[in-house]
Amino acid sequence: MPVIPMWKCDRDGSMFDDKKAAEEHDKMLELAANITHMLERHYSTIDEELAEDIGLLFAQNKETIAKAIKGKPELILEIEPQADQKAAASSSKKTEKKDA
């Protein structure tokens, strides 16, 4: 029976068979959490779930957003909604509550 190494992301419990992919996912979730925190600091009336969804949206599309900021604003309109963003945000939220 072969042994398959797996990496688990502490932030949301996602499992990866590639260390690099796990680290990239963790960095994306860290960026999303930091964006969420920034939104909550600047907009005290923002709903926590909405702030998390926005943070995740920005983190998942950081390359496109960076290009848009650098002079190609039309790229923002190409970002499509992703059904799994809300599921990932909920999963991340549940994990953070368990850790608290």
N, C-alpha and C. Protein backbone atom coordinates (compact mmCIF):
# COMPACT_ATOMS: atom_id res chain seq x y z
N MET A 1 0.85 -1.17 0.00
CA MET A 1 0.00 0.00 0.00
C MET A 1 0.90 1.24 0.00
N PRO A 2 0.74 2.12 -0.99
CA PRO A 2 1.60 3.31 -1.05
C PRO A 2 1.18 4.36 -0.03
N VAL A 3 2.14 5.13 0.38
CA VAL A 3 1.89 6.24 1.29
C VAL A 3 1.85 7.51 0.45
N ILE A 4 0.80 8.29 0.61
CA ILE A 4 0.65 9.53 -0.15
C ILE A 4 0.76 10.70 0.82
N PRO A 5 1.78 11.54 0.65
CA PRO A 5 1.91 12.70 1.54
C PRO A 5 0.83 13.72 1.23
N MET A 6 0.27 14.30 2.28
CA MET A 6 -0.78 15.31 2.14
C MET A 6 -0.43 16.51 3.02
N TRP A 7 -0.84 17.69 2.59
CA TRP A 7 -0.64 18.90 3.36
C TRP A 7 -2.01 19.48 3.65
N LYS A 8 -2.18 19.88 4.91
CA LYS A 8 -3.46 20.42 5.36
C LYS A 8 -3.29 21.91 5.65
N CYS A 9 -4.20 22.71 5.12
CA CYS A 9 -4.20 24.14 5.39
C CYS A 9 -4.87 24.38 6.74
N ASP A 10 -4.15 25.01 7.66
CA ASP A 10 -4.68 25.26 9.00
C ASP A 10 -5.89 26.18 8.99
N ARG A 11 -5.93 27.10 8.05
CA ARG A 11 -6.99 28.12 8.04
C ARG A 11 -8.37 27.56 7.73
N ASP A 12 -8.46 26.60 6.80
CA ASP A 12 -9.78 26.10 6.45
C ASP A 12 -9.86 24.57 6.37
N GLY A 13 -8.78 23.90 6.66
CA GLY A 13 -8.79 22.44 6.67
C GLY A 13 -8.68 21.78 5.31
N SER A 14 -8.46 22.56 4.25
CA SER A 14 -8.31 22.00 2.91
C SER A 14 -7.08 21.10 2.86
N MET A 15 -7.19 20.02 2.11
CA MET A 15 -6.09 19.07 1.96
C MET A 15 -5.52 19.16 0.55
N PHE A 16 -4.18 19.07 0.46
CA PHE A 16 -3.49 19.16 -0.81
C PHE A 16 -2.44 18.05 -0.89
N ASP A 17 -2.22 17.55 -2.11
CA ASP A 17 -1.16 16.56 -2.29
C ASP A 17 0.12 17.21 -2.79
N ASP A 18 0.11 18.54 -2.88
CA ASP A 18 1.26 19.31 -3.34
C ASP A 18 1.53 20.42 -2.32
N LYS A 19 2.73 20.45 -1.78
CA LYS A 19 3.07 21.44 -0.75
C LYS A 19 2.96 22.86 -1.28
N LYS A 20 3.41 23.09 -2.51
CA LYS A 20 3.35 24.43 -3.10
C LYS A 20 1.90 24.91 -3.22
N ALA A 21 1.01 24.04 -3.66
CA ALA A 21 -0.40 24.40 -3.78
C ALA A 21 -1.00 24.72 -2.41
N ALA A 22 -0.61 23.96 -1.40
CA ALA A 22 -1.10 24.21 -0.05
C ALA A 22 -0.62 25.57 0.46
N GLU A 23 0.63 25.89 0.20
CA GLU A 23 1.18 27.18 0.64
C GLU A 23 0.52 28.34 -0.10
N GLU A 24 0.27 28.18 -1.40
CA GLU A 24 -0.41 29.22 -2.18
C GLU A 24 -1.83 29.44 -1.66
N HIS A 25 -2.51 28.35 -1.36
CA HIS A 25 -3.87 28.46 -0.83
C HIS A 25 -3.86 29.17 0.53
N ASP A 26 -2.92 28.82 1.37
CA ASP A 26 -2.80 29.46 2.68
C ASP A 26 -2.52 30.96 2.54
N LYS A 27 -1.64 31.33 1.61
CA LYS A 27 -1.34 32.75 1.39
C LYS A 27 -2.58 33.49 0.89
N MET A 28 -3.36 32.85 0.00
CA MET A 28 -4.58 33.46 -0.50
C MET A 28 -5.57 33.70 0.63
N LEU A 29 -5.71 32.72 1.52
CA LEU A 29 -6.61 32.87 2.65
C LEU A 29 -6.12 33.94 3.63
N GLU A 30 -4.80 34.04 3.80
CA GLU A 30 -4.25 35.09 4.66
C GLU A 30 -4.54 36.46 4.07
N LEU A 31 -4.38 36.62 2.76
CA LEU A 31 -4.70 37.89 2.11
C LEU A 31 -6.17 38.20 2.27
N ALA A 32 -7.03 37.22 2.08
CA ALA A 32 -8.47 37.43 2.24
C ALA A 32 -8.81 37.87 3.67
N ALA A 33 -8.18 37.25 4.66
CA ALA A 33 -8.42 37.62 6.06
C ALA A 33 -7.96 39.05 6.33
N ASN A 34 -6.82 39.43 5.74
CA ASN A 34 -6.32 40.79 5.95
C ASN A 34 -7.20 41.83 5.26
N ILE A 35 -7.71 41.52 4.08
CA ILE A 35 -8.64 42.43 3.40
C ILE A 35 -9.91 42.55 4.22
N THR A 36 -10.40 41.44 4.73
CA THR A 36 -11.60 41.45 5.57
C THR A 36 -11.39 42.34 6.79
N HIS A 37 -10.25 42.18 7.43
CA HIS A 37 -9.93 42.98 8.61
C HIS A 37 -9.88 44.47 8.26
N MET A 38 -9.26 44.80 7.13
CA MET A 38 -9.17 46.19 6.69
C MET A 38 -10.57 46.77 6.46
N LEU A 39 -11.43 46.01 5.79
CA LEU A 39 -12.79 46.48 5.53
C LEU A 39 -13.55 46.73 6.83
N GLU A 40 -13.41 45.81 7.77
CA GLU A 40 -14.11 45.96 9.05
C GLU A 40 -13.59 47.15 9.85
N ARG A 41 -12.29 47.45 9.73
CA ARG A 41 -11.73 48.63 10.40
C ARG A 41 -12.22 49.93 9.79
N HIS A 42 -12.30 49.96 8.46
CA HIS A 42 -12.66 51.19 7.75
C HIS A 42 -14.18 51.40 7.68
N TYR A 43 -14.93 50.33 7.72
CA TYR A 43 -16.39 50.42 7.60
C TYR A 43 -17.00 49.63 8.75
N SER A 44 -17.16 50.29 9.87
CA SER A 44 -17.61 49.62 11.09
C SER A 44 -19.01 49.02 10.97
N THR A 45 -19.80 49.48 10.01
CA THR A 45 -21.16 48.97 9.87
C THR A 45 -21.26 47.81 8.87
N ILE A 46 -20.14 47.41 8.27
CA ILE A 46 -20.19 46.33 7.28
C ILE A 46 -20.47 45.00 7.96
N ASP A 47 -21.30 44.21 7.33
CA ASP A 47 -21.63 42.88 7.83
C ASP A 47 -20.38 42.00 7.75
N GLU A 48 -20.13 41.23 8.78
CA GLU A 48 -18.92 40.39 8.85
C GLU A 48 -18.85 39.41 7.68
N GLU A 49 -19.98 38.78 7.36
CA GLU A 49 -19.99 37.81 6.26
C GLU A 49 -19.72 38.49 4.92
N LEU A 50 -20.29 39.68 4.71
CA LEU A 50 -20.04 40.42 3.48
C LEU A 50 -18.58 40.81 3.37
N ALA A 51 -17.99 41.26 4.46
CA ALA A 51 -16.56 41.62 4.47
C ALA A 51 -15.70 40.41 4.12
N GLU A 52 -16.05 39.24 4.65
CA GLU A 52 -15.30 38.02 4.35
C GLU A 52 -15.46 37.64 2.88
N ASP A 53 -16.67 37.77 2.35
CA ASP A 53 -16.90 37.45 0.94
C ASP A 53 -16.10 38.38 0.03
N ILE A 54 -16.07 39.67 0.35
CA ILE A 54 -15.31 40.64 -0.44
C ILE A 54 -13.82 40.34 -0.33
N GLY A 55 -13.34 40.05 0.86
CA GLY A 55 -11.93 39.72 1.05
C GLY A 55 -11.52 38.51 0.24
N LEU A 56 -12.36 37.49 0.24
CA LEU A 56 -12.08 36.28 -0.52
C LEU A 56 -12.11 36.55 -2.03
N LEU A 57 -13.08 37.34 -2.46
CA LEU A 57 -13.18 37.71 -3.88
C LEU A 57 -11.92 38.42 -4.35
N PHE A 58 -11.46 39.40 -3.58
CA PHE A 58 -10.24 40.13 -3.93
C PHE A 58 -9.02 39.22 -3.93
N ALA A 59 -8.90 38.37 -2.91
CA ALA A 59 -7.73 37.49 -2.81
C ALA A 59 -7.69 36.48 -3.95
N GLN A 60 -8.84 35.94 -4.32
CA GLN A 60 -8.89 34.94 -5.39
C GLN A 60 -8.61 35.56 -6.76
N ASN A 61 -8.80 36.85 -6.89
CA ASN A 61 -8.63 37.53 -8.17
C ASN A 61 -7.54 38.59 -8.11
N LYS A 62 -6.55 38.39 -7.26
CA LYS A 62 -5.53 39.42 -7.03
C LYS A 62 -4.75 39.79 -8.28
N GLU A 63 -4.45 38.83 -9.15
CA GLU A 63 -3.68 39.14 -10.36
C GLU A 63 -4.48 40.04 -11.28
N THR A 64 -5.75 39.72 -11.49
CA THR A 64 -6.61 40.53 -12.36
C THR A 64 -6.79 41.92 -11.77
N ILE A 65 -6.99 42.00 -10.48
CA ILE A 65 -7.18 43.30 -9.83
C ILE A 65 -5.90 44.13 -9.93
N ALA A 66 -4.75 43.50 -9.76
CA ALA A 66 -3.48 44.22 -9.87
C ALA A 66 -3.31 44.79 -11.28
N LYS A 67 -3.64 44.00 -12.31
CA LYS A 67 -3.55 44.49 -13.69
C LYS A 67 -4.52 45.63 -13.93
N ALA A 68 -5.71 45.53 -13.34
CA ALA A 68 -6.70 46.60 -13.50
C ALA A 68 -6.22 47.90 -12.86
N ILE A 69 -5.61 47.79 -11.72
CA ILE A 69 -5.09 48.97 -11.03
C ILE A 69 -3.95 49.60 -11.82
N LYS A 70 -3.18 48.77 -12.51
CA LYS A 70 -2.03 49.26 -13.27
C LYS A 70 -2.41 49.83 -14.64
N GLY A 71 -3.69 49.97 -14.93
CA GLY A 71 -4.06 50.64 -16.17
C GLY A 71 -5.01 49.90 -17.09
N LYS A 72 -5.54 48.77 -16.66
CA LYS A 72 -6.49 48.04 -17.49
C LYS A 72 -7.78 47.80 -16.71
N PRO A 73 -8.51 48.88 -16.40
CA PRO A 73 -9.70 48.76 -15.54
C PRO A 73 -10.79 47.85 -16.11
N GLU A 74 -10.81 47.64 -17.41
CA GLU A 74 -11.83 46.78 -18.02
C GLU A 74 -11.71 45.33 -17.57
N LEU A 75 -10.54 44.94 -17.08
CA LEU A 75 -10.35 43.56 -16.62
C LEU A 75 -11.24 43.21 -15.42
N ILE A 76 -11.56 44.21 -14.63
CA ILE A 76 -12.44 43.98 -13.46
C ILE A 76 -13.77 43.38 -13.91
N LEU A 77 -14.25 43.84 -15.07
CA LEU A 77 -15.55 43.36 -15.56
C LEU A 77 -15.51 41.91 -16.01
N GLU A 78 -14.32 41.35 -16.19
CA GLU A 78 -14.18 39.97 -16.61
C GLU A 78 -14.21 38.98 -15.45
N ILE A 79 -14.16 39.46 -14.22
CA ILE A 79 -14.20 38.58 -13.05
C ILE A 79 -15.60 38.02 -12.91
N GLU A 80 -15.69 36.72 -13.00
CA GLU A 80 -16.99 36.04 -12.92
C GLU A 80 -17.26 35.59 -11.48
N PRO A 81 -18.54 35.60 -11.08
CA PRO A 81 -18.88 35.07 -9.75
C PRO A 81 -18.53 33.59 -9.68
N GLN A 82 -18.06 33.18 -8.52
CA GLN A 82 -17.73 31.77 -8.31
C GLN A 82 -18.58 31.23 -7.18
N ALA A 83 -19.29 30.17 -7.45
CA ALA A 83 -20.19 29.58 -6.46
C ALA A 83 -19.42 29.10 -5.24
N ASP A 84 -18.16 28.66 -5.43
CA ASP A 84 -17.41 28.10 -4.32
C ASP A 84 -16.81 29.18 -3.42
N GLN A 85 -16.85 30.46 -3.80
CA GLN A 85 -16.31 31.51 -2.95
C GLN A 85 -17.09 31.59 -1.64
N LYS A 86 -18.40 31.55 -1.72
CA LYS A 86 -19.22 31.62 -0.52
C LYS A 86 -19.00 30.38 0.35
N ALA A 87 -18.89 29.22 -0.27
CA ALA A 87 -18.64 27.98 0.49
C ALA A 87 -17.28 28.04 1.17
N ALA A 88 -16.28 28.55 0.47
CA ALA A 88 -14.94 28.67 1.06
C ALA A 88 -14.94 29.66 2.20
N ALA A 89 -15.68 30.75 2.04
CA ALA A 89 -15.76 31.75 3.09
C ALA A 89 -16.44 31.17 4.33
N SER A 90 -17.50 30.41 4.12
CA SER A 90 -18.20 29.79 5.24
C SER A 90 -17.31 28.79 5.95
N SER A 91 -16.59 28.00 5.18
CA SER A 91 -15.67 27.02 5.76
C SER A 91 -14.58 27.71 6.57
N SER A 92 -14.03 28.79 6.02
CA SER A 92 -12.98 29.55 6.71
C SER A 92 -13.53 30.16 7.99
N LYS A 93 -14.75 30.66 7.92
CA LYS A 93 -15.39 31.29 9.08
C LYS A 93 -15.60 30.27 10.19
N LYS A 94 -16.06 29.07 9.83
CA LYS A 94 -16.29 28.03 10.83
C LYS A 94 -14.99 27.60 11.49
N THR A 95 -13.93 27.49 10.71
CA THR A 95 -12.63 27.09 11.24
C THR A 95 -12.12 28.13 12.22
N GLU A 96 -12.26 29.42 11.87
CA GLU A 96 -11.79 30.49 12.75
C GLU A 96 -12.57 30.50 14.07
N LYS A 97 -13.88 30.23 14.01
CA LYS A 97 -14.69 30.21 15.23
C LYS A 97 -14.28 29.05 16.14
N LYS A 98 -13.93 27.90 15.54
CA LYS A 98 -13.49 26.76 16.34
C LYS A 98 -12.18 27.07 17.05
N ASP A 99 -11.29 27.83 16.37
CA ASP A 99 -10.00 28.15 16.93
C ASP A 99 -10.10 29.19 18.05
N ALA A 100 -11.17 29.99 18.03
CA ALA A 100 -11.33 31.07 19.01
C ALA A 100 -11.70 30.57 20.38
